Amino acid sequence: MKNDTFWIRIIYVVSVVISLVVAFLILGPRPEGIEGSIDVSFLPMVNATLNGITTLLLIIGYYLILNKKREAHKSVMLTSFGTSSLFLVSYVIYHWFKSGPKLYTGNYETTYYFILITHIILAAIIIPLALFTLYRGWTSQLSKHRKIARITLPIWLYVSITGVMIYLMLY
């Protein structure tokens, strides 16, 4: 139980730090000359691809656990966590070298902003949820893992799917 408290605190700290870093990268100032110093124009496609792969892995992982293939489920879910982590690294790099968000210029503004706002809110929420779900599974706290995974999976799917949708609407 004491070890649980330690890791719970770590999860909350990591979640807050990641959310603040992402917010700063999108809204905060850049050092002089950093914007455009490296060509990161290919990264939005990489990010959308990683989100798409994460979506597929989440669906496969869900299918595997429904069919009681626990070890395969574990491997696939760890891989989906890995692709999400790679997305986060790529997203941070992109926004470090390119300041501010890309403006939407399409014909479906209301739809776009609804998707974007819900995506942003749920992306911040999914960080601790995914970490708690991973932690509960990793430490074999299976009843707690199942309970939180029922909440995490649909939110994580929504975030990864809408990440692809946002890319398609912007580029």
Protein backbone atom coordinates (compact mmCIF):
# COMPACT_ATOMS: atom_id res chain seq x y z
CA MET A 1 0.00 0.00 0.00
CA LYS A 2 2.89 2.39 0.77
CA ASN A 3 4.40 1.60 -2.63
CA ASP A 4 0.98 2.37 -4.19
CA THR A 5 0.98 5.82 -2.60
CA PHE A 6 4.42 6.57 -4.04
CA TRP A 7 3.43 5.56 -7.59
CA ILE A 8 0.08 7.35 -7.38
CA ARG A 9 1.90 10.56 -6.53
CA ILE A 10 4.35 9.99 -9.38
CA ILE A 11 1.44 9.46 -11.80
CA TYR A 12 -0.21 12.72 -10.72
CA VAL A 13 3.05 14.69 -10.94
CA VAL A 14 3.92 13.27 -14.37
CA SER A 15 0.38 13.97 -15.61
CA VAL A 16 0.44 17.60 -14.46
CA VAL A 17 3.95 18.18 -15.83
CA ILE A 18 3.06 16.74 -19.24
CA SER A 19 -0.12 18.83 -19.43
CA LEU A 20 1.75 22.01 -18.47
CA VAL A 21 4.57 21.34 -20.94
CA VAL A 22 2.11 20.80 -23.79
CA ALA A 23 0.14 23.93 -22.86
CA PHE A 24 3.35 25.98 -22.72
CA LEU A 25 4.55 24.64 -26.06
CA ILE A 26 1.32 25.64 -27.75
CA LEU A 27 0.72 28.96 -26.00
CA GLY A 28 4.09 30.05 -24.62
CA PRO A 29 6.95 32.05 -26.13
CA ARG A 30 9.89 30.50 -27.99
CA PRO A 31 13.54 31.45 -27.69
CA GLU A 32 14.61 33.79 -30.45
CA GLY A 33 15.38 31.92 -33.67
CA ILE A 34 14.07 28.48 -32.59
CA GLU A 35 10.93 28.55 -34.73
CA GLY A 36 11.74 27.10 -38.12
CA SER A 37 15.33 26.23 -37.25
CA ILE A 38 14.50 22.58 -37.96
CA ASP A 39 12.00 21.40 -40.58
CA VAL A 40 9.28 19.63 -38.61
CA SER A 41 6.59 19.91 -41.30
CA PHE A 42 6.43 16.09 -41.65
CA LEU A 43 5.64 15.52 -37.96
CA PRO A 44 1.87 16.13 -38.09
CA MET A 45 1.58 13.15 -40.46
CA VAL A 46 3.81 11.10 -38.15
CA ASN A 47 1.57 12.11 -35.23
CA ALA A 48 -1.61 11.14 -37.09
CA THR A 49 -0.04 7.83 -38.07
CA LEU A 50 0.96 7.12 -34.47
CA ASN A 51 -2.59 7.97 -33.35
CA GLY A 52 -4.00 5.63 -36.01
CA ILE A 53 -1.68 2.82 -34.94
CA THR A 54 -2.63 3.43 -31.30
CA THR A 55 -6.31 3.15 -32.22
CA LEU A 56 -5.75 -0.18 -33.96
CA LEU A 57 -3.65 -1.51 -31.07
CA LEU A 58 -6.29 -0.50 -28.52
CA ILE A 59 -8.97 -2.34 -30.49
CA ILE A 60 -6.73 -5.41 -30.87
CA GLY A 61 -5.89 -5.30 -27.15
CA TYR A 62 -9.57 -5.16 -26.25
CA TYR A 63 -10.31 -8.09 -28.56
CA LEU A 64 -7.47 -10.08 -27.01
CA ILE A 65 -8.64 -9.57 -23.44
CA LEU A 66 -12.22 -10.46 -24.40
CA ASN A 67 -10.78 -13.74 -25.69
CA LYS A 68 -8.79 -14.23 -22.46
CA LYS A 69 -5.39 -13.92 -24.16
CA ARG A 70 -3.86 -12.04 -21.25
CA GLU A 71 -0.19 -12.11 -22.28
CA ALA A 72 -0.93 -11.02 -25.84
CA HIS A 73 -3.23 -8.31 -24.45
CA LYS A 74 -0.45 -7.10 -22.17
CA SER A 75 2.06 -6.92 -25.04
CA VAL A 76 -0.33 -5.09 -27.35
CA MET A 77 -1.41 -2.62 -24.67
CA LEU A 78 2.21 -1.87 -23.74
CA THR A 79 2.88 -1.29 -27.43
CA SER A 80 -0.11 1.08 -27.65
CA PHE A 81 1.26 2.94 -24.64
CA GLY A 82 4.58 3.09 -26.50
CA THR A 83 3.02 4.50 -29.68
CA SER A 84 1.16 7.09 -27.57
CA SER A 85 4.43 8.00 -25.87
CA LEU A 86 6.17 8.34 -29.24
CA PHE A 87 3.28 10.56 -30.34
CA LEU A 88 3.79 12.76 -27.29
CA VAL A 89 7.53 13.11 -27.97
CA SER A 90 6.91 13.92 -31.63
CA TYR A 91 4.14 16.38 -30.70
CA VAL A 92 6.42 18.17 -28.22
CA ILE A 93 9.23 18.39 -30.80
CA TYR A 94 6.84 19.73 -33.43
CA HIS A 95 5.44 22.42 -31.16
CA TRP A 96 8.87 23.42 -29.88
CA PHE A 97 10.08 24.22 -33.37
CA LYS A 98 6.75 25.52 -34.69
CA SER A 99 4.96 27.94 -32.40
CA GLY A 100 1.22 28.03 -31.99
CA PRO A 101 -1.51 25.83 -33.38
CA LYS A 102 -2.37 25.60 -37.08
CA LEU A 103 -5.54 27.52 -37.87
CA TYR A 104 -8.55 25.69 -39.26
CA THR A 105 -9.67 27.10 -42.62
CA GLY A 106 -12.35 24.58 -43.62
CA ASN A 107 -16.11 24.83 -43.89
CA TYR A 108 -17.04 22.91 -40.73
CA GLU A 109 -15.85 25.26 -37.99
CA THR A 110 -18.40 24.22 -35.35
CA THR A 111 -17.65 20.53 -35.87
CA TYR A 112 -13.90 21.12 -35.94
CA TYR A 113 -13.86 23.16 -32.74
CA PHE A 114 -16.14 20.70 -30.96
CA ILE A 115 -13.79 17.85 -31.88
CA LEU A 116 -10.70 19.92 -31.01
CA ILE A 117 -11.96 21.10 -27.61
CA THR A 118 -13.18 17.67 -26.54
CA HIS A 119 -9.94 16.15 -27.84
CA ILE A 120 -7.81 18.57 -25.79
CA ILE A 121 -9.80 18.09 -22.59
CA LEU A 122 -9.86 14.32 -22.89
CA ALA A 123 -6.18 14.18 -23.92
CA ALA A 124 -5.31 15.84 -20.60
CA ILE A 125 -7.59 13.41 -18.74
CA ILE A 126 -6.23 10.34 -20.54
CA ILE A 127 -2.69 10.89 -19.26
CA PRO A 128 -3.37 9.90 -15.63
CA LEU A 129 -6.02 7.38 -16.67
CA ALA A 130 -3.63 5.55 -19.01
CA LEU A 131 -0.86 5.66 -16.40
CA PHE A 132 -3.15 4.32 -13.66
CA THR A 133 -4.47 1.60 -15.96
CA LEU A 134 -0.94 0.60 -16.91
CA TYR A 135 0.19 0.65 -13.30
CA ARG A 136 -2.75 -1.47 -12.09
CA GLY A 137 -2.15 -4.03 -14.83
CA TRP A 138 1.62 -4.05 -14.31
CA THR A 139 1.24 -4.65 -10.57
CA SER A 140 -1.42 -7.36 -11.15
CA GLN A 141 -4.14 -5.41 -9.36
CA LEU A 142 -6.52 -6.89 -11.89
CA SER A 143 -9.87 -5.91 -10.36
CA LYS A 144 -8.70 -2.28 -10.10
CA HIS A 145 -7.16 -2.55 -13.58
CA ARG A 146 -10.44 -3.79 -15.10
CA LYS A 147 -12.43 -1.10 -13.32
CA ILE A 148 -10.31 1.80 -14.58
CA ALA A 149 -9.71 0.22 -18.02
CA ARG A 150 -13.46 0.38 -18.67
CA ILE A 151 -13.18 4.15 -18.35
CA THR A 152 -9.77 4.53 -19.98
CA LEU A 153 -10.39 2.55 -23.18
CA PRO A 154 -13.26 4.59 -24.65
CA ILE A 155 -11.58 7.89 -23.75
CA TRP A 156 -8.23 6.76 -25.16
CA LEU A 157 -9.94 5.57 -28.34
CA TYR A 158 -11.74 8.89 -28.67
CA VAL A 159 -8.51 10.85 -28.22
CA SER A 160 -6.57 8.75 -30.71
CA ILE A 161 -9.38 8.75 -33.31
CA THR A 162 -10.02 12.48 -32.99
CA GLY A 163 -6.28 13.11 -33.25
CA VAL A 164 -6.42 11.57 -36.74
CA MET A 165 -9.62 13.49 -37.55
CA ILE A 166 -8.03 16.80 -36.53
CA TYR A 167 -5.04 16.08 -38.74
CA LEU A 168 -7.32 15.26 -41.70
CA MET A 169 -9.32 18.45 -41.15
CA LEU A 170 -6.18 20.63 -40.94
CA TYR A 171 -3.95 19.17 -43.67
